[in-house]
PDB file of N, CA and C in Angstrom:
ATOM      1  N   MET A   1      87.602  90.600 124.912  1.00  0.00           N
ATOM      2  CA  MET A   1      87.457  91.780 124.072  1.00  0.00           C
ATOM      3  C   MET A   1      86.157  91.690 123.287  1.00  0.00           C
ATOM      4  N   SER A   2      85.594  92.825 123.042  1.00  0.00           N
ATOM      5  CA  SER A   2      84.351  92.848 122.285  1.00  0.00           C
ATOM      6  C   SER A   2      84.624  92.634 120.799  1.00  0.00           C
ATOM      7  N   GLU A   3      83.589  92.239 120.125  1.00  0.00           N
ATOM      8  CA  GLU A   3      83.696  92.029 118.679  1.00  0.00           C
ATOM      9  C   GLU A   3      84.057  93.322 117.957  1.00  0.00           C
ATOM     10  N   GLN A   4      83.489  94.435 118.427  1.00  0.00           N
ATOM     11  CA  GLN A   4      83.774  95.732 117.816  1.00  0.00           C
ATOM     12  C   GLN A   4      85.243  96.111 118.000  1.00  0.00           C
ATOM     13  N   LEU A   5      85.794  95.850 119.173  1.00  0.00           N
ATOM     14  CA  LEU A   5      87.196  96.159 119.433  1.00  0.00           C
ATOM     15  C   LEU A   5      88.103  95.300 118.562  1.00  0.00           C
ATOM     16  N   ASN A   6      87.766  94.031 118.406  1.00  0.00           N
ATOM     17  CA  ASN A   6      88.549  93.152 117.530  1.00  0.00           C
ATOM     18  C   ASN A   6      88.523  93.654 116.090  1.00  0.00           C
ATOM     19  N   ALA A   7      87.347  94.090 115.635  1.00  0.00           N
ATOM     20  CA  ALA A   7      87.223  94.601 114.271  1.00  0.00           C
ATOM     21  C   ALA A   7      88.034  95.880 114.108  1.00  0.00           C
ATOM     22  N   THR A   8      87.999  96.742 115.116  1.00  0.00           N
ATOM     23  CA  THR A   8      88.758  97.992 115.067  1.00  0.00           C
ATOM     24  C   THR A   8      90.251  97.707 115.009  1.00  0.00           C
ATOM     25  N   GLU A   9      90.715  96.781 115.816  1.00  0.00           N
ATOM     26  CA  GLU A   9      92.134  96.416 115.795  1.00  0.00           C
ATOM     27  C   GLU A   9      92.531  95.819 114.459  1.00  0.00           C
ATOM     28  N   ALA A  10      91.658  95.018 113.868  1.00  0.00           N
ATOM     29  CA  ALA A  10      91.944  94.425 112.564  1.00  0.00           C
ATOM     30  C   ALA A  10      92.064  95.505 111.489  1.00  0.00           C
ATOM     31  N   VAL A  11      91.181  96.491 111.546  1.00  0.00           N
ATOM     32  CA  VAL A  11      91.238  97.590 110.570  1.00  0.00           C
ATOM     33  C   VAL A  11      92.544  98.367 110.732  1.00  0.00           C
ATOM     34  N   HIS A  12      92.919  98.645 111.971  1.00  0.00           N
ATOM     35  CA  HIS A  12      94.162  99.380 112.202  1.00  0.00           C
ATOM     36  C   HIS A  12      95.378  98.571 111.732  1.00  0.00           C
ATOM     37  N   ALA A  13      95.348  97.273 111.902  1.00  0.00           N
ATOM     38  CA  ALA A  13      96.438  96.423 111.415  1.00  0.00           C
ATOM     39  C   ALA A  13      96.523  96.483 109.892  1.00  0.00           C
ATOM     40  N   GLU A  14      95.381  96.467 109.230  1.00  0.00           N
ATOM     41  CA  GLU A  14      95.366  96.564 107.769  1.00  0.00           C
ATOM     42  C   GLU A  14      95.872  97.923 107.308  1.00  0.00           C
ATOM     43  N   ILE A  15      95.479  98.980 108.004  1.00  0.00           N
ATOM     44  CA  ILE A  15      95.964 100.315 107.657  1.00  0.00           C
ATOM     45  C   ILE A  15      97.479 100.385 107.809  1.00  0.00           C
ATOM     46  N   ASP A  16      98.004  99.799 108.877  1.00  0.00           N
ATOM     47  CA  ASP A  16      99.456  99.760 109.067  1.00  0.00           C
ATOM     48  C   ASP A  16     100.130  98.996 107.932  1.00  0.00           C
ATOM     49  N   ALA A  17      99.527  97.892 107.505  1.00  0.00           N
ATOM     50  CA  ALA A  17     100.087  97.101 106.405  1.00  0.00           C
ATOM     51  C   ALA A  17     100.073  97.896 105.104  1.00  0.00           C
ATOM     52  N   ILE A  18      98.992  98.634 104.873  1.00  0.00           N
ATOM     53  CA  ILE A  18      98.918  99.486 103.678  1.00  0.00           C
ATOM     54  C   ILE A  18     100.010 100.544 103.725  1.00  0.00           C
ATOM     55  N   GLN A  19     100.200 101.147 104.891  1.00  0.00           N
ATOM     56  CA  GLN A  19     101.234 102.182 105.032  1.00  0.00           C
ATOM     57  C   GLN A  19     102.626 101.620 104.731  1.00  0.00           C
ATOM     58  N   ARG A  20     102.903 100.420 105.199  1.00  0.00           N
ATOM     59  CA  ARG A  20     104.214  99.797 104.912  1.00  0.00           C
ATOM     60  C   ARG A  20     104.381  99.559 103.415  1.00  0.00           C
ATOM     61  N   ARG A  21     103.316  99.153 102.761  1.00  0.00           N
ATOM     62  CA  ARG A  21     103.389  98.941 101.306  1.00  0.00           C
ATOM     63  C   ARG A  21     103.625 100.259 100.578  1.00  0.00           C
ATOM     64  N   ILE A  22     102.958 101.309 101.023  1.00  0.00           N
ATOM     65  CA  ILE A  22     103.156 102.629 100.414  1.00  0.00           C
ATOM     66  C   ILE A  22     104.607 103.067 100.581  1.00  0.00           C
ATOM     67  N   GLU A  23     105.174 102.841 101.738  1.00  0.00           N
ATOM     68  CA  GLU A  23     106.576 103.196 101.974  1.00  0.00           C
ATOM     69  C   GLU A  23     107.502 102.411 101.052  1.00  0.00           C
ATOM     70  N   LYS A  24     107.206 101.142 100.814  1.00  0.00           N
ATOM     71  CA  LYS A  24     108.015 100.339  99.889  1.00  0.00           C
ATOM     72  C   LYS A  24     107.892 100.866  98.464  1.00  0.00           C
ATOM     73  N   LEU A  25     106.671 101.253  98.072  1.00  0.00           N
ATOM     74  CA  LEU A  25     106.477 101.826  96.743  1.00  0.00           C
ATOM     75  C   LEU A  25     107.248 103.130  96.599  1.00  0.00           C
ATOM     76  N   GLN A  26     107.195 103.964  97.630  1.00  0.00           N
ATOM     77  CA  GLN A  26     107.922 105.234  97.599  1.00  0.00           C
ATOM     78  C   GLN A  26     109.417 105.000  97.458  1.00  0.00           C
ATOM     79  N   ALA A  27     109.937 104.027  98.173  1.00  0.00           N
ATOM     80  CA  ALA A  27     111.363 103.712  98.085  1.00  0.00           C
ATOM     81  C   ALA A  27     111.723 103.247  96.671  1.00  0.00           C
ATOM     82  N   ALA A  28     110.850 102.455  96.067  1.00  0.00           N
ATOM     83  CA  ALA A  28     111.106 101.983  94.704  1.00  0.00           C
ATOM     84  C   ALA A  28     111.092 103.136  93.715  1.00  0.00           C
ATOM     85  N   VAL A  29     110.174 104.070  93.897  1.00  0.00           N
ATOM     86  CA  VAL A  29     110.097 105.239  93.016  1.00  0.00           C
ATOM     87  C   VAL A  29     111.349 106.099  93.178  1.00  0.00           C
ATOM     88  N   GLU A  30     111.761 106.316  94.408  1.00  0.00           N
ATOM     89  CA  GLU A  30     112.948 107.140  94.669  1.00  0.00           C
ATOM     90  C   GLU A  30     114.202 106.509  94.080  1.00  0.00           C
ATOM     91  N   GLN A  31     114.231 105.189  93.999  1.00  0.00           N
ATOM     92  CA  GLN A  31     115.379 104.489  93.421  1.00  0.00           C
ATOM     93  C   GLN A  31     115.590 104.920  91.974  1.00  0.00           C
ATOM     94  N   TYR A  32     114.506 105.214  91.260  1.00  0.00           N
ATOM     95  CA  TYR A  32     114.607 105.583  89.852  1.00  0.00           C
ATOM     96  C   TYR A  32     114.712 107.085  89.619  1.00  0.00           C
ATOM     97  N   SER A  33     114.542 107.885  90.648  1.00  0.00           N
ATOM     98  CA  SER A  33     114.498 109.326  90.435  1.00  0.00           C
ATOM     99  C   SER A  33     115.796 109.901  89.881  1.00  0.00           C
ATOM    100  N   ASP A  34     116.920 109.324  90.219  1.00  0.00           N
ATOM    101  CA  ASP A  34     118.201 109.824  89.729  1.00  0.00           C
ATOM    102  C   ASP A  34     118.826 108.902  88.685  1.00  0.00           C
ATOM    103  N   THR A  35     118.048 107.982  88.168  1.00  0.00           N
ATOM    104  CA  THR A  35     118.554 107.015  87.203  1.00  0.00           C
ATOM    105  C   THR A  35     118.435 107.572  85.786  1.00  0.00           C
ATOM    106  N   ASP A  36     119.473 107.388  85.013  1.00  0.00           N
ATOM    107  CA  ASP A  36     119.458 107.796  83.611  1.00  0.00           C
ATOM    108  C   ASP A  36     118.402 106.963  82.877  1.00  0.00           C
ATOM    109  N   ALA A  37     117.579 107.612  82.075  1.00  0.00           N
ATOM    110  CA  ALA A  37     116.503 106.927  81.356  1.00  0.00           C
ATOM    111  C   ALA A  37     117.018 105.779  80.495  1.00  0.00           C
ATOM    112  N   ALA A  38     118.250 105.891  80.011  1.00  0.00           N
ATOM    113  CA  ALA A  38     118.829 104.837  79.185  1.00  0.00           C
ATOM    114  C   ALA A  38     119.120 103.578  79.997  1.00  0.00           C
ATOM    115  N   GLU A  39     119.194 103.709  81.322  1.00  0.00           N
ATOM    116  CA  GLU A  39     119.500 102.567  82.180  1.00  0.00           C
ATOM    117  C   GLU A  39     118.252 101.872  82.729  1.00  0.00           C
ATOM    118  N   VAL A  40     117.082 102.439  82.486  1.00  0.00           N
ATOM    119  CA  VAL A  40     115.842 101.888  83.027  1.00  0.00           C
ATOM    120  C   VAL A  40     115.331 100.778  82.124  1.00  0.00           C
ATOM    121  N   ASN A  41     114.837  99.696  82.737  1.00  0.00           N
ATOM    122  CA  ASN A  41     114.199  98.615  81.985  1.00  0.00           C
ATOM    123  C   ASN A  41     112.761  99.048  81.718  1.00  0.00           C
ATOM    124  N   TRP A  42     112.485  99.536  80.530  1.00  0.00           N
ATOM    125  CA  TRP A  42     111.169 100.063  80.190  1.00  0.00           C
ATOM    126  C   TRP A  42     110.159  98.955  79.911  1.00  0.00           C
ATOM    127  N   GLY A  43     110.573  97.717  79.982  1.00  0.00           N
ATOM    128  CA  GLY A  43     109.659  96.592  79.777  1.00  0.00           C
ATOM    129  C   GLY A  43     108.611  96.480  80.871  1.00  0.00           C
ATOM    130  N   HIS A  44     108.820  97.165  81.989  1.00  0.00           N
ATOM    131  CA  HIS A  44     107.892  97.094  83.104  1.00  0.00           C
ATOM    132  C   HIS A  44     106.821  98.182  83.064  1.00  0.00           C
ATOM    133  N   VAL A  45     106.804  98.992  82.017  1.00  0.00           N
ATOM    134  CA  VAL A  45     105.861 100.103  81.949  1.00  0.00           C
ATOM    135  C   VAL A  45     104.421  99.598  82.001  1.00  0.00           C
ATOM    136  N   GLY A  46     104.111  98.543  81.288  1.00  0.00           N
ATOM    137  CA  GLY A  46     102.759  97.978  81.306  1.00  0.00           C
ATOM    138  C   GLY A  46     102.377  97.478  82.680  1.00  0.00           C
ATOM    139  N   GLU A  47     103.335  96.856  83.372  1.00  0.00           N
ATOM    140  CA  GLU A  47     103.077  96.374  84.727  1.00  0.00           C
ATOM    141  C   GLU A  47     102.818  97.535  85.679  1.00  0.00           C
ATOM    142  N   LEU A  48     103.515  98.638  85.473  1.00  0.00           N
ATOM    143  CA  LEU A  48     103.294  99.821  86.307  1.00  0.00           C
ATOM    144  C   LEU A  48     101.907 100.401  86.081  1.00  0.00           C
ATOM    145  N   ALA A  49     101.442 100.379  84.844  1.00  0.00           N
ATOM    146  CA  ALA A  49     100.093 100.868  84.548  1.00  0.00           C
ATOM    147  C   ALA A  49      99.055 100.003  85.252  1.00  0.00           C
ATOM    148  N   THR A  50      99.260  98.710  85.258  1.00  0.00           N
ATOM    149  CA  THR A  50      98.355  97.790  85.958  1.00  0.00           C
ATOM    150  C   THR A  50      98.373  98.065  87.457  1.00  0.00           C
ATOM    151  N   ALA A  51      99.555  98.292  88.008  1.00  0.00           N
ATOM    152  CA  ALA A  51      99.679  98.597  89.437  1.00  0.00           C
ATOM    153  C   ALA A  51      98.976  99.906  89.764  1.00  0.00           C
ATOM    154  N   CYS A  52      99.116 100.907  88.911  1.00  0.00           N
ATOM    155  CA  CYS A  52      98.441 102.196  89.131  1.00  0.00           C
ATOM    156  C   CYS A  52      96.925 102.016  89.114  1.00  0.00           C
ATOM    157  N   ASN A  53      96.435 101.218  88.193  1.00  0.00           N
ATOM    158  CA  ASN A  53      94.993 100.971  88.138  1.00  0.00           C
ATOM    159  C   ASN A  53      94.515 100.275  89.410  1.00  0.00           C
ATOM    160  N   SER A  54      95.294  99.340  89.906  1.00  0.00           N
ATOM    161  CA  SER A  54      94.933  98.642  91.145  1.00  0.00           C
ATOM    162  C   SER A  54      94.910  99.612  92.325  1.00  0.00           C
ATOM    163  N   LEU A  55      95.889 100.507  92.376  1.00  0.00           N
ATOM    164  CA  LEU A  55      95.909 101.510  93.440  1.00  0.00           C
ATOM    165  C   LEU A  55      94.685 102.427  93.346  1.00  0.00           C
ATOM    166  N   ASP A  56      94.322 102.834  92.136  1.00  0.00           N
ATOM    167  CA  ASP A  56      93.141 103.675  91.954  1.00  0.00           C
ATOM    168  C   ASP A  56      91.880 102.960  92.439  1.00  0.00           C
ATOM    169  N   GLU A  57      91.767 101.668  92.134  1.00  0.00           N
ATOM    170  CA  GLU A  57      90.618 100.895  92.585  1.00  0.00           C
ATOM    171  C   GLU A  57      90.572 100.822  94.110  1.00  0.00           C
ATOM    172  N   ALA A  58      91.721 100.627  94.726  1.00  0.00           N
ATOM    173  CA  ALA A  58      91.779 100.567  96.194  1.00  0.00           C
ATOM    174  C   ALA A  58      91.354 101.892  96.800  1.00  0.00           C
ATOM    175  N   ILE A  59      91.789 102.980  96.206  1.00  0.00           N
ATOM    176  CA  ILE A  59      91.417 104.311  96.711  1.00  0.00           C
ATOM    177  C   ILE A  59      89.909 104.498  96.631  1.00  0.00           C
ATOM    178  N   VAL A  60      89.315 104.094  95.526  1.00  0.00           N
ATOM    179  CA  VAL A  60      87.870 104.219  95.364  1.00  0.00           C
ATOM    180  C   VAL A  60      87.147 103.362  96.411  1.00  0.00           C
ATOM    181  N   GLN A  61      87.624 102.142  96.614  1.00  0.00           N
ATOM    182  CA  GLN A  61      87.000 101.254  97.589  1.00  0.00           C
ATOM    183  C   GLN A  61      87.075 101.816  98.999  1.00  0.00           C
ATOM    184  N   LEU A  62      88.123 102.570  99.292  1.00  0.00           N
ATOM    185  CA  LEU A  62      88.279 103.158 100.618  1.00  0.00           C
ATOM    186  C   LEU A  62      87.579 104.506 100.749  1.00  0.00           C
ATOM    187  N   GLY A  63      86.924 104.922  99.678  1.00  0.00           N
ATOM    188  CA  GLY A  63      86.136 106.141  99.735  1.00  0.00           C
ATOM    189  C   GLY A  63      86.906 107.408  99.421  1.00  0.00           C
ATOM    190  N   GLY A  64      88.064 107.253  98.794  1.00  0.00           N
ATOM    191  CA  GLY A  64      88.896 108.425  98.519  1.00  0.00           C
ATOM    192  C   GLY A  64      88.710 109.002  97.169  1.00  0.00           C
TER     193      GLY A  64
END
């Protein structure tokens, strides 16, 4: 296989991995959609803000 083909396959594998992570994030978000606010552990709010910032950085790096 050519070097270009190997690089293309590697990029597609990474895109697939990103898609799986997005699906896991979506599932986690949906888990809370019907949850009473009194039952949510709000101690993770800061961690969610950090995760959102990381996602924003990834989007910028990918040209979005």
